[in-house]
């Protein structure tokens, strides 16, 4: 173990994060640095914007700008405080996602540019079931009314709704039947 007290804060943080990625606990990292207490390590990391989450140090977004840290990918060069305090690009996962967006920029722009031109052929209120029954009329206010129906017809209708179409409302099925009757016999 060499003397890490002479290291810059950036070197310390980078080394701590490397040890954490190798699976060392906070206590093992503290011992590696020659600290007698784990909370000394915790205070150092908190000073540079890292919080403990599930026993791991995680960089949190704050308004202040911490010193730049290289994290195995894009290095953050700060002349002026960058957005989100420079934390946006500090995680390797965020860097990979951003690079993926940049690599697929043309495809993304094509989708965005053509979004308004694409026709939506699927009405919003369509409910389609295996039998092909579609409840696709423009719904308005539902009302209560009394009608007289043959008892056997009603019982058969109720059984069919209960057995095969229990996921639909009876009033929607009856409304659809009325619409189909009106269209057929107008």
Protein backbone atom coordinates (compact mmCIF):
# COMPACT_ATOMS: atom_id res chain seq x y z
CA UNK A 1 0.00 0.00 0.00
CA UNK A 2 1.54 3.28 -1.09
CA UNK A 3 0.90 6.64 0.57
CA UNK A 4 -2.47 7.82 -0.72
CA UNK A 5 -2.50 10.93 1.47
CA UNK A 6 -0.51 12.77 -1.18
CA UNK A 7 -3.04 11.95 -3.88
CA UNK A 8 -5.36 14.58 -5.29
CA UNK A 9 -9.05 14.28 -4.47
CA UNK A 10 -9.77 13.25 -8.07
CA UNK A 11 -7.27 10.38 -7.81
CA UNK A 12 -8.70 9.27 -4.48
CA UNK A 13 -12.28 9.29 -5.75
CA UNK A 14 -11.36 7.46 -8.93
CA UNK A 15 -9.47 4.79 -6.96
CA UNK A 16 -12.31 4.42 -4.44
CA UNK A 17 -14.82 3.94 -7.27
CA UNK A 18 -12.53 1.35 -8.92
CA UNK A 19 -12.28 -0.57 -5.64
CA UNK A 20 -16.05 -0.39 -5.21
CA UNK A 21 -16.54 -1.74 -8.75
CA UNK A 22 -14.24 -4.65 -7.86
CA UNK A 23 -16.68 -5.52 -5.07
CA UNK A 24 -14.82 -4.22 -1.99
CA UNK A 25 -16.98 -3.04 0.89
CA UNK A 26 -16.72 0.47 2.31
CA UNK A 27 -14.86 -0.94 5.32
CA UNK A 28 -12.30 -2.71 3.09
CA UNK A 29 -11.83 0.50 1.06
CA UNK A 30 -11.32 2.50 4.28
CA UNK A 31 -8.67 -0.01 5.43
CA UNK A 32 -6.99 0.20 1.98
CA UNK A 33 -6.71 3.97 2.46
CA UNK A 34 -5.39 3.64 6.00
CA UNK A 35 -8.48 5.15 7.61
CA UNK A 36 -9.28 3.81 11.07
CA UNK A 37 -13.00 4.57 10.69
CA UNK A 38 -15.42 4.05 7.80
CA UNK A 39 -17.14 7.38 8.49
CA UNK A 40 -13.92 9.18 7.52
CA UNK A 41 -14.25 7.65 4.06
CA UNK A 42 -17.97 8.48 4.03
CA UNK A 43 -17.28 12.15 4.84
CA UNK A 44 -14.65 12.37 2.08
CA UNK A 45 -17.04 10.96 -0.49
CA UNK A 46 -19.95 13.14 0.72
CA UNK A 47 -17.72 16.20 0.36
CA UNK A 48 -17.45 15.47 -3.37
CA UNK A 49 -21.14 14.76 -3.95
CA UNK A 50 -21.33 11.01 -3.30
CA UNK A 51 -24.03 9.49 -1.09
CA UNK A 52 -24.30 5.99 0.35
CA UNK A 53 -27.07 3.99 -1.27
CA UNK A 54 -27.30 0.31 -0.34
CA UNK A 55 -23.74 0.41 0.96
CA UNK A 56 -22.33 1.85 -2.28
CA UNK A 57 -21.17 5.35 -3.14
CA UNK A 58 -23.38 6.97 -5.76
CA UNK A 59 -22.82 10.40 -7.24
CA UNK A 60 -25.85 12.61 -6.66
CA UNK A 61 -26.96 15.64 -8.65
CA UNK A 62 -26.50 18.90 -6.79
CA UNK A 63 -26.23 22.51 -7.82
CA UNK A 64 -22.54 22.80 -6.94
CA UNK A 65 -19.82 21.68 -9.34
CA UNK A 66 -17.56 18.94 -7.96
CA UNK A 67 -14.05 18.47 -9.34
CA UNK A 68 -13.94 16.69 -12.71
CA UNK A 69 -13.64 12.91 -12.55
CA UNK A 70 -12.78 10.59 -15.40
CA UNK A 71 -14.90 7.47 -15.32
CA UNK A 72 -13.45 5.20 -17.98
CA UNK A 73 -15.31 6.87 -20.85
CA UNK A 74 -15.95 10.49 -21.66
CA UNK A 75 -13.92 12.85 -19.50
CA UNK A 76 -15.65 15.90 -18.18
CA UNK A 77 -13.71 19.09 -18.83
CA UNK A 78 -15.09 21.98 -16.83
CA UNK A 79 -14.34 25.54 -17.78
CA UNK A 80 -17.77 26.70 -16.70
CA UNK A 81 -20.13 24.76 -14.46
CA UNK A 82 -21.93 22.34 -16.81
CA UNK A 83 -25.64 21.46 -16.51
CA UNK A 84 -26.57 19.30 -13.52
CA UNK A 85 -23.26 20.13 -11.86
CA UNK A 86 -21.33 17.92 -14.28
CA UNK A 87 -22.99 14.77 -13.01
CA UNK A 88 -24.89 13.99 -16.17
CA UNK A 89 -21.95 12.27 -17.86
CA UNK A 90 -20.27 10.86 -14.77
CA UNK A 91 -21.94 7.46 -14.97
CA UNK A 92 -20.76 4.99 -17.58
CA UNK A 93 -24.37 3.92 -18.22
CA UNK A 94 -25.40 7.51 -19.01
CA UNK A 95 -22.41 7.88 -21.32
CA UNK A 96 -23.33 4.70 -23.20
CA UNK A 97 -26.95 5.82 -23.57
CA UNK A 98 -25.88 9.21 -24.85
CA UNK A 99 -23.47 7.64 -27.33
CA UNK A 100 -26.25 5.34 -28.54
CA UNK A 101 -28.47 8.37 -29.15
CA UNK A 102 -25.67 10.12 -31.05
CA UNK A 103 -24.98 7.00 -33.14
CA UNK A 104 -28.68 6.70 -34.04
CA UNK A 105 -29.30 10.42 -34.48
CA UNK A 106 -30.42 10.18 -38.12
CA UNK A 107 -32.95 7.44 -37.34
CA UNK A 108 -34.32 9.35 -34.36
CA UNK A 109 -34.68 12.55 -36.39
CA UNK A 110 -36.48 10.63 -39.16
CA UNK A 111 -38.98 9.25 -36.65
CA UNK A 112 -39.49 12.67 -35.05
CA UNK A 113 -39.85 14.48 -38.40
CA UNK A 114 -42.39 11.95 -39.70
CA UNK A 115 -44.36 11.55 -36.48
CA UNK A 116 -47.04 14.09 -37.44
CA UNK A 117 -47.36 12.66 -40.95
CA UNK A 118 -48.18 9.12 -39.85
CA UNK A 119 -51.90 8.36 -40.00
CA UNK A 120 -53.46 6.67 -37.02
CA UNK A 121 -55.77 4.03 -38.49
CA UNK A 122 -56.71 2.63 -35.11
CA UNK A 123 -59.61 4.44 -33.40
CA UNK A 124 -59.04 5.00 -29.70
CA UNK A 125 -62.30 3.45 -28.43
CA UNK A 126 -62.03 0.16 -30.35
CA UNK A 127 -62.24 -2.95 -28.21
CA UNK A 128 -61.61 -6.06 -30.25
CA UNK A 129 -62.10 -9.55 -28.89
CA UNK A 130 -61.32 -12.97 -30.31
CA UNK A 131 -64.76 -13.31 -31.89
CA UNK A 132 -64.32 -10.06 -33.79
CA UNK A 133 -66.94 -8.09 -31.85
CA UNK A 134 -65.98 -4.43 -31.97
CA UNK A 135 -67.39 -1.68 -29.82
CA UNK A 136 -66.31 1.17 -32.07
CA UNK A 137 -69.10 3.73 -32.02
CA UNK A 138 -68.72 7.29 -30.74
CA UNK A 139 -69.96 7.05 -27.20
CA UNK A 140 -72.09 9.74 -25.64
CA UNK A 141 -73.85 9.93 -22.30
CA UNK A 142 -75.36 6.65 -21.10
CA UNK A 143 -79.00 6.89 -20.09
CA UNK A 144 -81.35 4.62 -18.18
CA UNK A 145 -84.51 3.58 -19.94
CA UNK A 146 -87.06 0.80 -19.65
CA UNK A 147 -87.85 -1.49 -22.56
CA UNK A 148 -89.86 -4.67 -22.84
CA UNK A 149 -87.99 -7.71 -24.14
CA UNK A 150 -89.05 -11.32 -24.55
CA UNK A 151 -87.92 -13.23 -21.44
CA UNK A 152 -86.23 -16.08 -23.34
CA UNK A 153 -84.39 -13.61 -25.62
CA UNK A 154 -83.19 -11.63 -22.58
CA UNK A 155 -82.08 -14.76 -20.72
CA UNK A 156 -80.16 -16.03 -23.77
CA UNK A 157 -78.60 -12.58 -24.26
CA UNK A 158 -77.59 -12.37 -20.57
CA UNK A 159 -76.06 -15.87 -20.66
CA UNK A 160 -74.09 -15.04 -23.80
CA UNK A 161 -72.79 -11.81 -22.24
CA UNK A 162 -71.86 -13.59 -19.03
CA UNK A 163 -70.17 -16.58 -20.69
CA UNK A 164 -68.43 -15.06 -23.70
CA UNK A 165 -68.36 -11.26 -23.33
CA UNK A 166 -68.01 -10.66 -19.60
CA UNK A 167 -65.20 -8.16 -20.29
CA UNK A 168 -67.70 -5.85 -22.09
CA UNK A 169 -70.54 -3.77 -20.66
CA UNK A 170 -74.05 -4.91 -21.56
CA UNK A 171 -75.06 -1.35 -22.40
CA UNK A 172 -72.22 -1.13 -24.97
CA UNK A 173 -73.29 -4.43 -26.55
CA UNK A 174 -76.96 -3.35 -26.67
CA UNK A 175 -75.99 0.04 -28.14
CA UNK A 176 -73.89 -1.70 -30.80
CA UNK A 177 -76.83 -4.01 -31.62
CA UNK A 178 -79.15 -1.00 -32.00
CA UNK A 179 -76.62 0.73 -34.29
CA UNK A 180 -76.25 -2.38 -36.48
CA UNK A 181 -80.04 -2.75 -36.64
CA UNK A 182 -80.47 0.90 -37.68
CA UNK A 183 -77.74 0.65 -40.34
CA UNK A 184 -79.23 -2.55 -41.76
CA UNK A 185 -82.87 -1.51 -41.81
CA UNK A 186 -82.77 2.24 -42.49
